[in-house]
Amino acid sequence: MPVMDGEEVLAWLRIHAPELPVLVLSGFGERELVRDLEKSEGR
C-alpha cells in the first residue's frame, strides 16, 4: 500500500474504530503475520 502497510492500518483502525472486525489478506510472511494478529485486540 502506498502510504501505510497493513500493520499500520490495523493499528490505526484499533485506535479509531476498535470494534471494527478486520480481515487481513496477505501473500507472504504468513507465520509472522498470524503471530502478530493473535496479539491484536478486537476481531
PDB file of all heavy atoms in Angstrom:
ATOM      1  N   MET A   1       0.858  -1.166   0.000  1.00  0.00           N
ATOM      2  CA  MET A   1       0.000   0.000   0.000  1.00  0.00           C
ATOM      3  C   MET A   1       0.906   1.230   0.000  1.00  0.00           C
ATOM      4  O   MET A   1       1.968   1.209   0.603  1.00  0.00           O
ATOM      5  CB  MET A   1      -0.916  -0.043   1.212  1.00  0.00           C
ATOM      6  CG  MET A   1      -1.851  -1.252   1.163  1.00  0.00           C
ATOM      7  SD  MET A   1      -3.164  -1.340   2.387  1.00  0.00           S
ATOM      8  CE  MET A   1      -2.370  -0.964   3.894  1.00  0.00           C
ATOM      9  N   PRO A   2       0.475   2.275  -0.620  1.00  0.00           N
ATOM     10  CA  PRO A   2       1.364   3.406  -0.843  1.00  0.00           C
ATOM     11  C   PRO A   2       1.736   4.222   0.401  1.00  0.00           C
ATOM     12  O   PRO A   2       2.837   4.728   0.482  1.00  0.00           O
ATOM     13  CB  PRO A   2       0.606   4.281  -1.838  1.00  0.00           C
ATOM     14  CG  PRO A   2      -0.800   3.834  -1.773  1.00  0.00           C
ATOM     15  CD  PRO A   2      -0.795   2.427  -1.295  1.00  0.00           C
ATOM     16  N   VAL A   3       0.859   4.372   1.375  1.00  0.00           N
ATOM     17  CA  VAL A   3       1.140   5.261   2.499  1.00  0.00           C
ATOM     18  C   VAL A   3       1.434   4.490   3.785  1.00  0.00           C
ATOM     19  O   VAL A   3       2.370   4.803   4.500  1.00  0.00           O
ATOM     20  CB  VAL A   3      -0.033   6.244   2.728  1.00  0.00           C
ATOM     21  CG1 VAL A   3       0.217   7.124   3.924  1.00  0.00           C
ATOM     22  CG2 VAL A   3      -0.274   7.074   1.482  1.00  0.00           C
ATOM     23  N   MET A   4       0.617   3.489   4.086  1.00  0.00           N
ATOM     24  CA  MET A   4       0.795   2.691   5.295  1.00  0.00           C
ATOM     25  C   MET A   4       0.820   1.216   4.916  1.00  0.00           C
ATOM     26  O   MET A   4       0.160   0.809   3.969  1.00  0.00           O
ATOM     27  CB  MET A   4      -0.383   2.911   6.267  1.00  0.00           C
ATOM     28  CG  MET A   4      -0.450   4.271   6.893  1.00  0.00           C
ATOM     29  SD  MET A   4      -1.689   4.345   8.212  1.00  0.00           S
ATOM     30  CE  MET A   4      -3.198   4.516   7.266  1.00  0.00           C
ATOM     31  N   ASP A   5       1.557   0.433   5.703  1.00  0.00           N
ATOM     32  CA  ASP A   5       1.482  -1.011   5.476  1.00  0.00           C
ATOM     33  C   ASP A   5       0.313  -1.568   6.289  1.00  0.00           C
ATOM     34  O   ASP A   5      -0.351  -0.840   7.034  1.00  0.00           O
ATOM     35  CB  ASP A   5       2.807  -1.710   5.804  1.00  0.00           C
ATOM     36  CG  ASP A   5       3.186  -1.645   7.276  1.00  0.00           C
ATOM     37  OD1 ASP A   5       2.306  -1.471   8.138  1.00  0.00           O
ATOM     38  OD2 ASP A   5       4.387  -1.808   7.562  1.00  0.00           O
ATOM     39  N   GLY A   6       0.054  -2.848   6.146  1.00  0.00           N
ATOM     40  CA  GLY A   6      -1.096  -3.459   6.799  1.00  0.00           C
ATOM     41  C   GLY A   6      -1.073  -3.346   8.308  1.00  0.00           C
ATOM     42  O   GLY A   6      -2.103  -3.135   8.954  1.00  0.00           O
ATOM     43  N   GLU A   7       0.105  -3.501   8.914  1.00  0.00           N
ATOM     44  CA  GLU A   7       0.213  -3.389  10.363  1.00  0.00           C
ATOM     45  C   GLU A   7      -0.139  -1.979  10.829  1.00  0.00           C
ATOM     46  O   GLU A   7      -0.795  -1.797  11.856  1.00  0.00           O
ATOM     47  CB  GLU A   7       1.614  -3.762  10.820  1.00  0.00           C
ATOM     48  CG  GLU A   7       1.914  -5.238  10.667  1.00  0.00           C
ATOM     49  CD  GLU A   7       3.312  -5.572  11.120  1.00  0.00           C
ATOM     50  OE1 GLU A   7       3.718  -5.106  12.205  1.00  0.00           O
ATOM     51  OE2 GLU A   7       3.993  -6.300  10.385  1.00  0.00           O
ATOM     52  N   GLU A   8       0.298  -0.983  10.092  1.00  0.00           N
ATOM     53  CA  GLU A   8      -0.021   0.409  10.439  1.00  0.00           C
ATOM     54  C   GLU A   8      -1.509   0.686  10.291  1.00  0.00           C
ATOM     55  O   GLU A   8      -2.101   1.375  11.122  1.00  0.00           O
ATOM     56  CB  GLU A   8       0.788   1.373   9.579  1.00  0.00           C
ATOM     57  CG  GLU A   8       2.272   1.342   9.865  1.00  0.00           C
ATOM     58  CD  GLU A   8       3.082   2.127   8.847  1.00  0.00           C
ATOM     59  OE1 GLU A   8       2.771   2.062   7.639  1.00  0.00           O
ATOM     60  OE2 GLU A   8       4.026   2.805   9.276  1.00  0.00           O
ATOM     61  N   VAL A   9      -2.122   0.128   9.249  1.00  0.00           N
ATOM     62  CA  VAL A   9      -3.563   0.304   9.059  1.00  0.00           C
ATOM     63  C   VAL A   9      -4.321  -0.340  10.215  1.00  0.00           C
ATOM     64  O   VAL A   9      -5.242   0.252  10.784  1.00  0.00           O
ATOM     65  CB  VAL A   9      -4.028  -0.284   7.713  1.00  0.00           C
ATOM     66  CG1 VAL A   9      -5.545  -0.304   7.617  1.00  0.00           C
ATOM     67  CG2 VAL A   9      -3.435   0.504   6.556  1.00  0.00           C
ATOM     68  N   LEU A  10      -3.929  -1.558  10.593  1.00  0.00           N
ATOM     69  CA  LEU A  10      -4.591  -2.234  11.697  1.00  0.00           C
ATOM     70  C   LEU A  10      -4.439  -1.437  12.997  1.00  0.00           C
ATOM     71  O   LEU A  10      -5.405  -1.269  13.744  1.00  0.00           O
ATOM     72  CB  LEU A  10      -4.043  -3.651  11.869  1.00  0.00           C
ATOM     73  CG  LEU A  10      -4.683  -4.483  12.969  1.00  0.00           C
ATOM     74  CD1 LEU A  10      -6.190  -4.611  12.776  1.00  0.00           C
ATOM     75  CD2 LEU A  10      -4.031  -5.850  13.035  1.00  0.00           C
ATOM     76  N   ALA A  11      -3.255  -0.927  13.274  1.00  0.00           N
ATOM     77  CA  ALA A  11      -3.043  -0.115  14.479  1.00  0.00           C
ATOM     78  C   ALA A  11      -3.922   1.141  14.445  1.00  0.00           C
ATOM     79  O   ALA A  11      -4.528   1.512  15.458  1.00  0.00           O
ATOM     80  CB  ALA A  11      -1.568   0.268  14.605  1.00  0.00           C
ATOM     81  N   TRP A  12      -4.013   1.788  13.286  1.00  0.00           N
ATOM     82  CA  TRP A  12      -4.852   2.984  13.146  1.00  0.00           C
ATOM     83  C   TRP A  12      -6.319   2.631  13.388  1.00  0.00           C
ATOM     84  O   TRP A  12      -7.034   3.347  14.091  1.00  0.00           O
ATOM     85  CB  TRP A  12      -4.655   3.592  11.760  1.00  0.00           C
ATOM     86  CG  TRP A  12      -5.338   4.897  11.575  1.00  0.00           C
ATOM     87  CD1 TRP A  12      -4.798   6.140  11.792  1.00  0.00           C
ATOM     88  CD2 TRP A  12      -6.687   5.112  11.149  1.00  0.00           C
ATOM     89  NE1 TRP A  12      -5.735   7.097  11.526  1.00  0.00           N
ATOM     90  CE2 TRP A  12      -6.907   6.503  11.131  1.00  0.00           C
ATOM     91  CE3 TRP A  12      -7.726   4.276  10.783  1.00  0.00           C
ATOM     92  CZ2 TRP A  12      -8.123   7.053  10.758  1.00  0.00           C
ATOM     93  CZ3 TRP A  12      -8.942   4.831  10.415  1.00  0.00           C
ATOM     94  CH2 TRP A  12      -9.123   6.205  10.409  1.00  0.00           C
ATOM     95  N   LEU A  13      -6.760   1.517  12.809  1.00  0.00           N
ATOM     96  CA  LEU A  13      -8.146   1.090  12.996  1.00  0.00           C
ATOM     97  C   LEU A  13      -8.449   0.776  14.454  1.00  0.00           C
ATOM     98  O   LEU A  13      -9.541   1.081  14.948  1.00  0.00           O
ATOM     99  CB  LEU A  13      -8.455  -0.133  12.134  1.00  0.00           C
ATOM    100  CG  LEU A  13      -8.591   0.117  10.644  1.00  0.00           C
ATOM    101  CD1 LEU A  13      -8.667  -1.200   9.891  1.00  0.00           C
ATOM    102  CD2 LEU A  13      -9.811   0.980  10.354  1.00  0.00           C
ATOM    103  N   ARG A  14      -7.511   0.166  15.160  1.00  0.00           N
ATOM    104  CA  ARG A  14      -7.729  -0.164  16.562  1.00  0.00           C
ATOM    105  C   ARG A  14      -7.870   1.093  17.414  1.00  0.00           C
ATOM    106  O   ARG A  14      -8.588   1.092  18.412  1.00  0.00           O
ATOM    107  CB  ARG A  14      -6.605  -1.053  17.105  1.00  0.00           C
ATOM    108  CG  ARG A  14      -6.695  -2.455  16.572  1.00  0.00           C
ATOM    109  CD  ARG A  14      -7.999  -3.101  17.040  1.00  0.00           C
ATOM    110  NE  ARG A  14      -8.328  -4.293  16.281  1.00  0.00           N
ATOM    111  CZ  ARG A  14      -9.410  -4.419  15.525  1.00  0.00           C
ATOM    112  NH1 ARG A  14     -10.251  -3.442  15.378  1.00  0.00           N
ATOM    113  NH2 ARG A  14      -9.670  -5.535  14.896  1.00  0.00           N
ATOM    114  N   ILE A  15      -7.232   2.165  17.027  1.00  0.00           N
ATOM    115  CA  ILE A  15      -7.355   3.438  17.746  1.00  0.00           C
ATOM    116  C   ILE A  15      -8.673   4.117  17.406  1.00  0.00           C
ATOM    117  O   ILE A  15      -9.386   4.596  18.288  1.00  0.00           O
ATOM    118  CB  ILE A  15      -6.170   4.374  17.408  1.00  0.00           C
ATOM    119  CG1 ILE A  15      -4.882   3.810  17.995  1.00  0.00           C
ATOM    120  CG2 ILE A  15      -6.432   5.796  17.921  1.00  0.00           C
ATOM    121  CD1 ILE A  15      -3.625   4.486  17.487  1.00  0.00           C
ATOM    122  N   HIS A  16      -9.020   4.168  16.128  1.00  0.00           N
ATOM    123  CA  HIS A  16     -10.163   4.958  15.662  1.00  0.00           C
ATOM    124  C   HIS A  16     -11.478   4.184  15.555  1.00  0.00           C
ATOM    125  O   HIS A  16     -12.550   4.798  15.550  1.00  0.00           O
ATOM    126  CB  HIS A  16      -9.831   5.610  14.324  1.00  0.00           C
ATOM    127  CG  HIS A  16      -8.670   6.542  14.425  1.00  0.00           C
ATOM    128  ND1 HIS A  16      -8.761   7.789  15.012  1.00  0.00           N
ATOM    129  CD2 HIS A  16      -7.379   6.414  14.044  1.00  0.00           C
ATOM    130  CE1 HIS A  16      -7.586   8.387  14.988  1.00  0.00           C
ATOM    131  NE2 HIS A  16      -6.724   7.565  14.406  1.00  0.00           N
ATOM    132  N   ALA A  17     -11.404   2.877  15.449  1.00  0.00           N
ATOM    133  CA  ALA A  17     -12.616   2.055  15.347  1.00  0.00           C
ATOM    134  C   ALA A  17     -12.334   0.676  15.952  1.00  0.00           C
ATOM    135  O   ALA A  17     -12.306  -0.333  15.245  1.00  0.00           O
ATOM    136  CB  ALA A  17     -13.054   1.936  13.900  1.00  0.00           C
ATOM    137  N   PRO A  18     -12.111   0.617  17.274  1.00  0.00           N
ATOM    138  CA  PRO A  18     -11.670  -0.633  17.896  1.00  0.00           C
ATOM    139  C   PRO A  18     -12.650  -1.796  17.754  1.00  0.00           C
ATOM    140  O   PRO A  18     -12.251  -2.953  17.813  1.00  0.00           O
ATOM    141  CB  PRO A  18     -11.468  -0.260  19.366  1.00  0.00           C
ATOM    142  CG  PRO A  18     -12.218   0.999  19.564  1.00  0.00           C
ATOM    143  CD  PRO A  18     -12.272   1.699  18.230  1.00  0.00           C
ATOM    144  N   GLU A  19     -13.914  -1.494  17.545  1.00  0.00           N
ATOM    145  CA  GLU A  19     -14.914  -2.556  17.428  1.00  0.00           C
ATOM    146  C   GLU A  19     -15.026  -3.119  16.016  1.00  0.00           C
ATOM    147  O   GLU A  19     -15.693  -4.126  15.785  1.00  0.00           O
ATOM    148  CB  GLU A  19     -16.289  -2.029  17.875  1.00  0.00           C
ATOM    149  CG  GLU A  19     -16.923  -1.046  16.928  1.00  0.00           C
ATOM    150  CD  GLU A  19     -16.278   0.352  16.861  1.00  0.00           C
ATOM    151  OE1 GLU A  19     -15.489   0.712  17.745  1.00  0.00           O
ATOM    152  OE2 GLU A  19     -16.570   1.066  15.892  1.00  0.00           O
ATOM    153  N   LEU A  20     -14.366  -2.519  15.053  1.00  0.00           N
ATOM    154  CA  LEU A  20     -14.460  -2.925  13.655  1.00  0.00           C
ATOM    155  C   LEU A  20     -13.763  -4.265  13.420  1.00  0.00           C
ATOM    156  O   LEU A  20     -12.571  -4.411  13.696  1.00  0.00           O
ATOM    157  CB  LEU A  20     -13.818  -1.861  12.766  1.00  0.00           C
ATOM    158  CG  LEU A  20     -13.904  -2.092  11.266  1.00  0.00           C
ATOM    159  CD1 LEU A  20     -15.348  -1.899  10.797  1.00  0.00           C
ATOM    160  CD2 LEU A  20     -12.994  -1.121  10.539  1.00  0.00           C
ATOM    161  N   PRO A  21     -14.474  -5.272  12.911  1.00  0.00           N
ATOM    162  CA  PRO A  21     -13.809  -6.527  12.551  1.00  0.00           C
ATOM    163  C   PRO A  21     -12.903  -6.296  11.331  1.00  0.00           C
ATOM    164  O   PRO A  21     -13.264  -5.549  10.422  1.00  0.00           O
ATOM    165  CB  PRO A  21     -14.965  -7.466  12.180  1.00  0.00           C
ATOM    166  CG  PRO A  21     -16.196  -6.817  12.680  1.00  0.00           C
ATOM    167  CD  PRO A  21     -15.917  -5.345  12.732  1.00  0.00           C
ATOM    168  N   VAL A  22     -11.742  -6.932  11.320  1.00  0.00           N
ATOM    169  CA  VAL A  22     -10.768  -6.720  10.248  1.00  0.00           C
ATOM    170  C   VAL A  22     -10.343  -8.068   9.674  1.00  0.00           C
ATOM    171  O   VAL A  22      -9.967  -8.976  10.416  1.00  0.00           O
ATOM    172  CB  VAL A  22      -9.524  -5.970  10.781  1.00  0.00           C
ATOM    173  CG1 VAL A  22      -8.469  -5.830   9.696  1.00  0.00           C
ATOM    174  CG2 VAL A  22      -9.914  -4.614  11.342  1.00  0.00           C
ATOM    175  N   LEU A  23     -10.415  -8.187   8.352  1.00  0.00           N
ATOM    176  CA  LEU A  23      -9.914  -9.363   7.646  1.00  0.00           C
ATOM    177  C   LEU A  23      -8.632  -8.960   6.930  1.00  0.00           C
ATOM    178  O   LEU A  23      -8.650  -8.084   6.064  1.00  0.00           O
ATOM    179  CB  LEU A  23     -10.941  -9.887   6.642  1.00  0.00           C
ATOM    180  CG  LEU A  23     -10.526 -11.106   5.829  1.00  0.00           C
ATOM    181  CD1 LEU A  23     -10.204 -12.290   6.736  1.00  0.00           C
ATOM    182  CD2 LEU A  23     -11.598 -11.462   4.817  1.00  0.00           C
ATOM    183  N   VAL A  24      -7.535  -9.581   7.304  1.00  0.00           N
ATOM    184  CA  VAL A  24      -6.227  -9.273   6.722  1.00  0.00           C
ATOM    185  C   VAL A  24      -5.939 -10.306   5.640  1.00  0.00           C
ATOM    186  O   VAL A  24      -6.040 -11.507   5.868  1.00  0.00           O
ATOM    187  CB  VAL A  24      -5.126  -9.309   7.803  1.00  0.00           C
ATOM    188  CG1 VAL A  24      -3.761  -9.072   7.193  1.00  0.00           C
ATOM    189  CG2 VAL A  24      -5.420  -8.284   8.890  1.00  0.00           C
ATOM    190  N   LEU A  25      -5.574  -9.817   4.457  1.00  0.00           N
ATOM    191  CA  LEU A  25      -5.208 -10.674   3.330  1.00  0.00           C
ATOM    192  C   LEU A  25      -3.731 -10.470   3.044  1.00  0.00           C
ATOM    193  O   LEU A  25      -3.266  -9.338   2.982  1.00  0.00           O
ATOM    194  CB  LEU A  25      -6.004 -10.289   2.082  1.00  0.00           C
ATOM    195  CG  LEU A  25      -7.515 -10.128   2.247  1.00  0.00           C
ATOM    196  CD1 LEU A  25      -8.126  -9.589   0.977  1.00  0.00           C
ATOM    197  CD2 LEU A  25      -8.146 -11.421   2.650  1.00  0.00           C
ATOM    198  N   SER A  26      -2.993 -11.565   2.867  1.00  0.00           N
ATOM    199  CA  SER A  26      -1.575 -11.423   2.577  1.00  0.00           C
ATOM    200  C   SER A  26      -1.081 -12.630   1.805  1.00  0.00           C
ATOM    201  O   SER A  26      -1.578 -13.742   1.991  1.00  0.00           O
ATOM    202  CB  SER A  26      -0.769 -11.280   3.869  1.00  0.00           C
ATOM    203  OG  SER A  26       0.610 -11.153   3.572  1.00  0.00           O
ATOM    204  N   GLY A  27      -0.081 -12.399   0.985  1.00  0.00           N
ATOM    205  CA  GLY A  27       0.519 -13.464   0.204  1.00  0.00           C
ATOM    206  C   GLY A  27       1.898 -13.842   0.676  1.00  0.00           C
ATOM    207  O   GLY A  27       2.543 -14.704   0.095  1.00  0.00           O
ATOM    208  N   PHE A  28       2.385 -13.213   1.763  1.00  0.00           N
ATOM    209  CA  PHE A  28       3.714 -13.549   2.262  1.00  0.00           C
ATOM    210  C   PHE A  28       3.816 -13.258   3.750  1.00  0.00           C
ATOM    211  O   PHE A  28       2.997 -12.544   4.304  1.00  0.00           O
ATOM    212  CB  PHE A  28       4.796 -12.769   1.503  1.00  0.00           C
ATOM    213  CG  PHE A  28       4.649 -11.275   1.600  1.00  0.00           C
ATOM    214  CD1 PHE A  28       5.296 -10.555   2.584  1.00  0.00           C
ATOM    215  CD2 PHE A  28       3.850 -10.580   0.696  1.00  0.00           C
ATOM    216  CE1 PHE A  28       5.155  -9.182   2.668  1.00  0.00           C
ATOM    217  CE2 PHE A  28       3.705  -9.202   0.780  1.00  0.00           C
ATOM    218  CZ  PHE A  28       4.363  -8.507   1.767  1.00  0.00           C
ATOM    219  N   GLY A  29       4.826 -13.841   4.373  1.00  0.00           N
ATOM    220  CA  GLY A  29       5.055 -13.614   5.791  1.00  0.00           C
ATOM    221  C   GLY A  29       3.935 -14.107   6.678  1.00  0.00           C
ATOM    222  O   GLY A  29       3.658 -13.523   7.714  1.00  0.00           O
ATOM    223  N   GLU A  30       3.297 -15.202   6.262  1.00  0.00           N
ATOM    224  CA  GLU A  30       2.091 -15.654   6.957  1.00  0.00           C
ATOM    225  C   GLU A  30       2.330 -15.992   8.421  1.00  0.00           C
ATOM    226  O   GLU A  30       1.580 -15.562   9.284  1.00  0.00           O
ATOM    227  CB  GLU A  30       1.493 -16.858   6.240  1.00  0.00           C
ATOM    228  CG  GLU A  30       0.983 -16.518   4.868  1.00  0.00           C
ATOM    229  CD  GLU A  30       0.504 -17.741   4.115  1.00  0.00           C
ATOM    230  OE1 GLU A  30       0.073 -18.713   4.763  1.00  0.00           O
ATOM    231  OE2 GLU A  30       0.569 -17.721   2.888  1.00  0.00           O
ATOM    232  N   ARG A  31       3.356 -16.761   8.724  1.00  0.00           N
ATOM    233  CA  ARG A  31       3.568 -17.189  10.116  1.00  0.00           C
ATOM    234  C   ARG A  31       3.778 -16.003  11.045  1.00  0.00           C
ATOM    235  O   ARG A  31       3.169 -15.925  12.108  1.00  0.00           O
ATOM    236  CB  ARG A  31       4.758 -18.137  10.205  1.00  0.00           C
ATOM    237  CG  ARG A  31       4.469 -19.489   9.646  1.00  0.00           C
ATOM    238  CD  ARG A  31       5.624 -20.410   9.843  1.00  0.00           C
ATOM    239  NE  ARG A  31       5.321 -21.686   9.215  1.00  0.00           N
ATOM    240  CZ  ARG A  31       6.202 -22.602   8.974  1.00  0.00           C
ATOM    241  NH1 ARG A  31       7.462 -22.421   9.299  1.00  0.00           N
ATOM    242  NH2 ARG A  31       5.855 -23.736   8.402  1.00  0.00           N
ATOM    243  N   GLU A  32       4.643 -15.109  10.658  1.00  0.00           N
ATOM    244  CA  GLU A  32       4.913 -13.931  11.493  1.00  0.00           C
ATOM    245  C   GLU A  32       3.669 -13.053  11.598  1.00  0.00           C
ATOM    246  O   GLU A  32       3.332 -12.570  12.679  1.00  0.00           O
ATOM    247  CB  GLU A  32       6.073 -13.133  10.902  1.00  0.00           C
ATOM    248  CG  GLU A  32       6.471 -11.946  11.746  1.00  0.00           C
ATOM    249  CD  GLU A  32       7.674 -11.225  11.162  1.00  0.00           C
ATOM    250  OE1 GLU A  32       8.651 -11.889  10.773  1.00  0.00           O
ATOM    251  OE2 GLU A  32       7.620  -9.995  11.100  1.00  0.00           O
ATOM    252  N   LEU A  33       2.972 -12.867  10.504  1.00  0.00           N
ATOM    253  CA  LEU A  33       1.772 -12.035  10.493  1.00  0.00           C
ATOM    254  C   LEU A  33       0.687 -12.635  11.380  1.00  0.00           C
ATOM    255  O   LEU A  33       0.085 -11.934  12.184  1.00  0.00           O
ATOM    256  CB  LEU A  33       1.249 -11.870   9.068  1.00  0.00           C
ATOM    257  CG  LEU A  33      -0.006 -11.031   8.890  1.00  0.00           C
ATOM    258  CD1 LEU A  33       0.204  -9.617   9.410  1.00  0.00           C
ATOM    259  CD2 LEU A  33      -0.416 -11.002   7.440  1.00  0.00           C
ATOM    260  N   VAL A  34       0.454 -13.926  11.277  1.00  0.00           N
ATOM    261  CA  VAL A  34      -0.570 -14.576  12.101  1.00  0.00           C
ATOM    262  C   VAL A  34      -0.203 -14.455  13.577  1.00  0.00           C
ATOM    263  O   VAL A  34      -1.053 -14.181  14.415  1.00  0.00           O
ATOM    264  CB  VAL A  34      -0.762 -16.051  11.680  1.00  0.00           C
ATOM    265  CG1 VAL A  34      -1.622 -16.801  12.689  1.00  0.00           C
ATOM    266  CG2 VAL A  34      -1.374 -16.120  10.292  1.00  0.00           C
ATOM    267  N   ARG A  35       1.052 -14.619  13.901  1.00  0.00           N
ATOM    268  CA  ARG A  35       1.506 -14.482  15.292  1.00  0.00           C
ATOM    269  C   ARG A  35       1.233 -13.063  15.798  1.00  0.00           C
ATOM    270  O   ARG A  35       0.737 -12.881  16.915  1.00  0.00           O
ATOM    271  CB  ARG A  35       2.991 -14.826  15.383  1.00  0.00           C
ATOM    272  CG  ARG A  35       3.525 -14.902  16.786  1.00  0.00           C
ATOM    273  CD  ARG A  35       4.967 -15.391  16.861  1.00  0.00           C
ATOM    274  NE  ARG A  35       5.804 -14.873  15.801  1.00  0.00           N
ATOM    275  CZ  ARG A  35       6.446 -15.625  14.892  1.00  0.00           C
ATOM    276  NH1 ARG A  35       6.348 -16.926  14.934  1.00  0.00           N
ATOM    277  NH2 ARG A  35       7.185 -15.079  13.963  1.00  0.00           N
ATOM    278  N   ASP A  36       1.496 -12.068  14.990  1.00  0.00           N
ATOM    279  CA  ASP A  36       1.233 -10.681  15.378  1.00  0.00           C
ATOM    280  C   ASP A  36      -0.265 -10.425  15.512  1.00  0.00           C
ATOM    281  O   ASP A  36      -0.695  -9.701  16.415  1.00  0.00           O
ATOM    282  CB  ASP A  36       1.829  -9.708  14.363  1.00  0.00           C
ATOM    283  CG  ASP A  36       3.350  -9.683  14.406  1.00  0.00           C
ATOM    284  OD1 ASP A  36       3.933 -10.172  15.400  1.00  0.00           O
ATOM    285  OD2 ASP A  36       3.950  -9.189  13.437  1.00  0.00           O
ATOM    286  N   LEU A  37      -1.067 -10.994  14.622  1.00  0.00           N
ATOM    287  CA  LEU A  37      -2.515 -10.793  14.684  1.00  0.00           C
ATOM    288  C   LEU A  37      -3.106 -11.406  15.939  1.00  0.00           C
ATOM    289  O   LEU A  37      -4.078 -10.887  16.487  1.00  0.00           O
ATOM    290  CB  LEU A  37      -3.194 -11.377  13.446  1.00  0.00           C
ATOM    291  CG  LEU A  37      -2.935 -10.649  12.135  1.00  0.00           C
ATOM    292  CD1 LEU A  37      -3.618 -11.385  10.991  1.00  0.00           C
ATOM    293  CD2 LEU A  37      -3.398  -9.212  12.198  1.00  0.00           C
ATOM    294  N   GLU A  38      -2.542 -12.519  16.399  1.00  0.00           N
ATOM    295  CA  GLU A  38      -3.047 -13.152  17.609  1.00  0.00           C
ATOM    296  C   GLU A  38      -2.894 -12.235  18.822  1.00  0.00           C
ATOM    297  O   GLU A  38      -3.638 -12.352  19.782  1.00  0.00           O
ATOM    298  CB  GLU A  38      -2.330 -14.483  17.846  1.00  0.00           C
ATOM    299  CG  GLU A  38      -2.731 -15.548  16.844  1.00  0.00           C
ATOM    300  CD  GLU A  38      -1.901 -16.813  16.956  1.00  0.00           C
ATOM    301  OE1 GLU A  38      -0.883 -16.818  17.685  1.00  0.00           O
ATOM    302  OE2 GLU A  38      -2.260 -17.796  16.298  1.00  0.00           O
ATOM    303  N   LYS A  39      -1.947 -11.320  18.773  1.00  0.00           N
ATOM    304  CA  LYS A  39      -1.724 -10.367  19.867  1.00  0.00           C
ATOM    305  C   LYS A  39      -2.635  -9.151  19.752  1.00  0.00           C
ATOM    306  O   LYS A  39      -2.765  -8.378  20.691  1.00  0.00           O
ATOM    307  CB  LYS A  39      -0.268  -9.888  19.858  1.00  0.00           C
ATOM    308  CG  LYS A  39       0.742 -10.983  20.047  1.00  0.00           C
ATOM    309  CD  LYS A  39       2.141 -10.429  19.879  1.00  0.00           C
ATOM    310  CE  LYS A  39       3.170 -11.521  19.761  1.00  0.00           C
ATOM    311  NZ  LYS A  39       4.491 -11.001  19.421  1.00  0.00           N
ATOM    312  N   SER A  40      -3.257  -8.980  18.607  1.00  0.00           N
ATOM    313  CA  SER A  40      -4.070  -7.799  18.334  1.00  0.00           C
ATOM    314  C   SER A  40      -5.371  -7.832  19.124  1.00  0.00           C
ATOM    315  O   SER A  40      -5.972  -8.881  19.333  1.00  0.00           O
ATOM    316  CB  SER A  40      -4.385  -7.719  16.839  1.00  0.00           C
ATOM    317  OG  SER A  40      -5.244  -6.641  16.577  1.00  0.00           O
ATOM    318  N   GLU A  41      -5.800  -6.674  19.538  1.00  0.00           N
ATOM    319  CA  GLU A  41      -7.089  -6.530  20.205  1.00  0.00           C
ATOM    320  C   GLU A  41      -8.191  -6.561  19.148  1.00  0.00           C
ATOM    321  O   GLU A  41      -7.984  -6.212  18.002  1.00  0.00           O
ATOM    322  CB  GLU A  41      -7.152  -5.189  20.938  1.00  0.00           C
ATOM    323  CG  GLU A  41      -6.137  -5.042  22.041  1.00  0.00           C
ATOM    324  CD  GLU A  41      -6.465  -5.855  23.265  1.00  0.00           C
ATOM    325  OE1 GLU A  41      -7.665  -5.997  23.577  1.00  0.00           O
ATOM    326  OE2 GLU A  41      -5.533  -6.370  23.890  1.00  0.00           O
ATOM    327  N   GLY A  42      -9.383  -6.954  19.546  1.00  0.00           N
ATOM    328  CA  GLY A  42     -10.520  -6.915  18.641  1.00  0.00           C
ATOM    329  C   GLY A  42     -10.594  -8.129  17.744  1.00  0.00           C
ATOM    330  O   GLY A  42      -9.803  -9.059  17.833  1.00  0.00           O
ATOM    331  N   ARG A  43     -11.581  -8.099  16.879  1.00  0.00           N
ATOM    332  CA  ARG A  43     -11.826  -9.226  15.974  1.00  0.00           C
ATOM    333  C   ARG A  43     -10.983  -9.067  14.720  1.00  0.00           C
ATOM    334  O   ARG A  43     -11.201  -8.170  13.926  1.00  0.00           O
ATOM    335  CB  ARG A  43     -13.296  -9.302  15.638  1.00  0.00           C
ATOM    336  CG  ARG A  43     -14.106  -9.587  16.907  1.00  0.00           C
ATOM    337  CD  ARG A  43     -15.491  -9.960  16.647  1.00  0.00           C
ATOM    338  NE  ARG A  43     -15.516 -11.267  15.990  1.00  0.00           N
ATOM    339  CZ  ARG A  43     -16.635 -11.888  15.681  1.00  0.00           C
ATOM    340  NH1 ARG A  43     -17.784 -11.339  15.943  1.00  0.00           N
ATOM    341  NH2 ARG A  43     -16.605 -13.057  15.092  1.00  0.00           N
TER     342      ARG A  43
END
